[in-house]
């Protein structure tokens, strides 16, 4: 049995995908997806962890992540974002999200409505402006009260 390359192990740990390994009879060599013989199908959140692990392995200077934590529970989302700053350090990351817990961490937030940019700024700037972002943020925050 060949050793698993360190970058793969590191990426799995950072993305929380390593937590899936106990369910894989082949460990890191497990085929994923039901298209493969003995392939393991994953939940939406598990596939997101695999996708994040792939992002950690790549040395891309630009990352585009579309709802990267949408299928994760609140605890897993929090743990992923604790590690996320290391993934995007020194790179440009475009994160598409409807979750304000995700959006708030951005250096710059662009609000789109019907494909048009209607607001642009930091979380604080957009809340102070009182536009659509502030309205939606207040609605989501109200759900936690």
Protein backbone atom coordinates (compact mmCIF):
# COMPACT_ATOMS: atom_id res chain seq x y z
CA UNK A 1 0.00 0.00 0.00
CA UNK A 2 1.41 3.34 -1.08
CA UNK A 3 1.70 6.23 1.32
CA UNK A 4 -0.82 9.04 0.88
CA UNK A 5 0.89 12.29 -0.20
CA UNK A 6 1.12 14.83 2.63
CA UNK A 7 -0.70 17.60 0.68
CA UNK A 8 -3.75 15.33 0.32
CA UNK A 9 -3.81 14.52 4.04
CA UNK A 10 -3.33 18.20 4.93
CA UNK A 11 -6.13 19.32 2.58
CA UNK A 12 -8.48 16.69 3.99
CA UNK A 13 -7.77 17.84 7.54
CA UNK A 14 -8.19 21.55 6.75
CA UNK A 15 -11.48 21.02 4.90
CA UNK A 16 -12.84 18.59 7.51
CA UNK A 17 -13.03 15.89 4.79
CA UNK A 18 -10.75 13.71 6.94
CA UNK A 19 -13.76 13.15 9.20
CA UNK A 20 -15.30 11.11 6.36
CA UNK A 21 -12.46 8.56 6.26
CA UNK A 22 -13.84 6.15 8.90
CA UNK A 23 -16.74 5.46 6.51
CA UNK A 24 -14.45 4.68 3.57
CA UNK A 25 -13.31 1.06 3.30
CA UNK A 26 -10.51 2.16 0.93
CA UNK A 27 -9.46 5.20 2.99
CA UNK A 28 -7.97 7.95 0.85
CA UNK A 29 -8.24 5.72 -2.22
CA UNK A 30 -12.02 5.34 -1.95
CA UNK A 31 -13.91 5.94 -5.20
CA UNK A 32 -16.60 8.55 -4.64
CA UNK A 33 -19.97 8.55 -6.37
CA UNK A 34 -22.36 5.77 -7.27
CA UNK A 35 -21.13 5.64 -10.88
CA UNK A 36 -18.16 3.59 -9.71
CA UNK A 37 -18.13 -0.03 -8.54
CA UNK A 38 -17.97 0.10 -4.75
CA UNK A 39 -18.20 3.88 -5.00
CA UNK A 40 -19.51 5.70 -1.95
CA UNK A 41 -22.22 8.30 -2.41
CA UNK A 42 -21.98 11.34 -0.19
CA UNK A 43 -24.40 13.87 1.26
CA UNK A 44 -24.36 17.47 0.04
CA UNK A 45 -22.29 18.58 3.04
CA UNK A 46 -19.81 15.74 2.53
CA UNK A 47 -19.36 16.65 -1.15
CA UNK A 48 -18.72 20.25 -0.07
CA UNK A 49 -15.94 19.09 2.24
CA UNK A 50 -14.38 17.17 -0.67
CA UNK A 51 -14.68 20.24 -2.92
CA UNK A 52 -12.99 22.41 -0.28
CA UNK A 53 -10.20 19.83 0.06
CA UNK A 54 -9.64 20.09 -3.70
CA UNK A 55 -9.45 23.87 -3.38
CA UNK A 56 -6.78 23.50 -0.68
CA UNK A 57 -4.69 21.24 -2.94
CA UNK A 58 -4.75 23.56 -5.96
CA UNK A 59 -2.33 26.46 -6.08
CA UNK A 60 -4.74 28.74 -7.93
CA UNK A 61 -4.37 32.48 -7.41
CA UNK A 62 -8.11 33.03 -7.90
CA UNK A 63 -10.74 30.93 -6.14
CA UNK A 64 -14.43 31.04 -6.99
CA UNK A 65 -16.60 29.36 -4.39
CA UNK A 66 -20.36 29.19 -4.92
CA UNK A 67 -22.19 28.66 -1.62
CA UNK A 68 -19.20 26.76 -0.18
CA UNK A 69 -20.89 25.92 3.12
CA UNK A 70 -24.57 25.79 2.13
CA UNK A 71 -24.97 22.12 3.06
CA UNK A 72 -22.89 22.23 6.23
CA UNK A 73 -24.37 22.51 9.70
CA UNK A 74 -23.55 25.61 11.74
CA UNK A 75 -20.68 23.98 13.68
CA UNK A 76 -19.02 22.57 10.53
CA UNK A 77 -19.44 25.93 8.77
CA UNK A 78 -17.76 27.71 11.69
CA UNK A 79 -14.86 25.22 11.71
CA UNK A 80 -14.40 25.49 7.93
CA UNK A 81 -14.22 29.28 8.11
CA UNK A 82 -11.71 29.17 10.96
CA UNK A 83 -9.43 27.40 8.48
CA UNK A 84 -10.62 29.31 5.42
CA UNK A 85 -8.43 32.39 5.95
CA UNK A 86 -5.38 30.19 5.32
CA UNK A 87 -6.84 28.98 2.03
CA UNK A 88 -7.42 32.48 0.66
CA UNK A 89 -4.33 34.20 2.12
CA UNK A 90 -2.50 36.01 -0.68
CA UNK A 91 -5.16 35.09 -3.25
CA UNK A 92 -8.31 36.56 -4.64
CA UNK A 93 -11.45 34.71 -3.57
CA UNK A 94 -14.89 35.32 -5.00
CA UNK A 95 -17.46 33.82 -2.66
CA UNK A 96 -21.08 33.63 -3.74
CA UNK A 97 -23.34 33.27 -0.73
CA UNK A 98 -26.70 34.12 0.75
CA UNK A 99 -25.50 33.45 4.30
CA UNK A 100 -24.49 36.58 6.13
CA UNK A 101 -22.20 34.56 8.39
CA UNK A 102 -20.21 33.82 5.22
CA UNK A 103 -20.58 37.23 3.61
CA UNK A 104 -19.47 39.22 6.68
CA UNK A 105 -15.92 37.86 6.48
CA UNK A 106 -15.36 39.42 3.04
CA UNK A 107 -13.14 42.46 2.54
CA UNK A 108 -15.60 43.68 -0.08
CA UNK A 109 -19.24 42.76 -0.57
CA UNK A 110 -21.05 43.24 -3.87
CA UNK A 111 -24.85 43.06 -3.78
CA UNK A 112 -26.57 41.99 -6.99
CA UNK A 113 -30.23 42.37 -7.85
CA UNK A 114 -31.51 40.95 -11.13
CA UNK A 115 -27.90 40.74 -12.38
CA UNK A 116 -27.08 44.37 -11.61
CA UNK A 117 -24.70 45.65 -8.93
CA UNK A 118 -26.78 47.79 -6.59
CA UNK A 119 -24.47 48.06 -3.56
CA UNK A 120 -20.76 47.64 -2.89
CA UNK A 121 -18.71 48.00 0.29
CA UNK A 122 -17.75 46.39 3.58
CA UNK A 123 -20.34 44.85 5.89
CA UNK A 124 -20.27 47.94 8.11
CA UNK A 125 -20.57 50.36 5.18
CA UNK A 126 -23.52 48.48 3.70
CA UNK A 127 -25.37 48.28 7.02
CA UNK A 128 -24.88 52.04 7.55
CA UNK A 129 -26.14 52.77 4.00
CA UNK A 130 -29.46 51.18 4.89
CA UNK A 131 -30.11 49.63 1.48
CA UNK A 132 -31.09 46.12 0.45
CA UNK A 133 -28.10 44.52 2.17
CA UNK A 134 -28.98 46.18 5.48
CA UNK A 135 -32.62 45.15 5.12
CA UNK A 136 -31.78 41.51 4.39
CA UNK A 137 -29.16 41.41 7.14
CA UNK A 138 -31.71 42.73 9.65
CA UNK A 139 -34.28 40.14 8.52
CA UNK A 140 -31.82 37.29 8.90
CA UNK A 141 -30.62 38.61 12.28
CA UNK A 142 -34.24 38.84 13.46
CA UNK A 143 -34.57 35.11 12.90
CA UNK A 144 -31.93 34.54 15.58
CA UNK A 145 -33.71 36.61 18.27
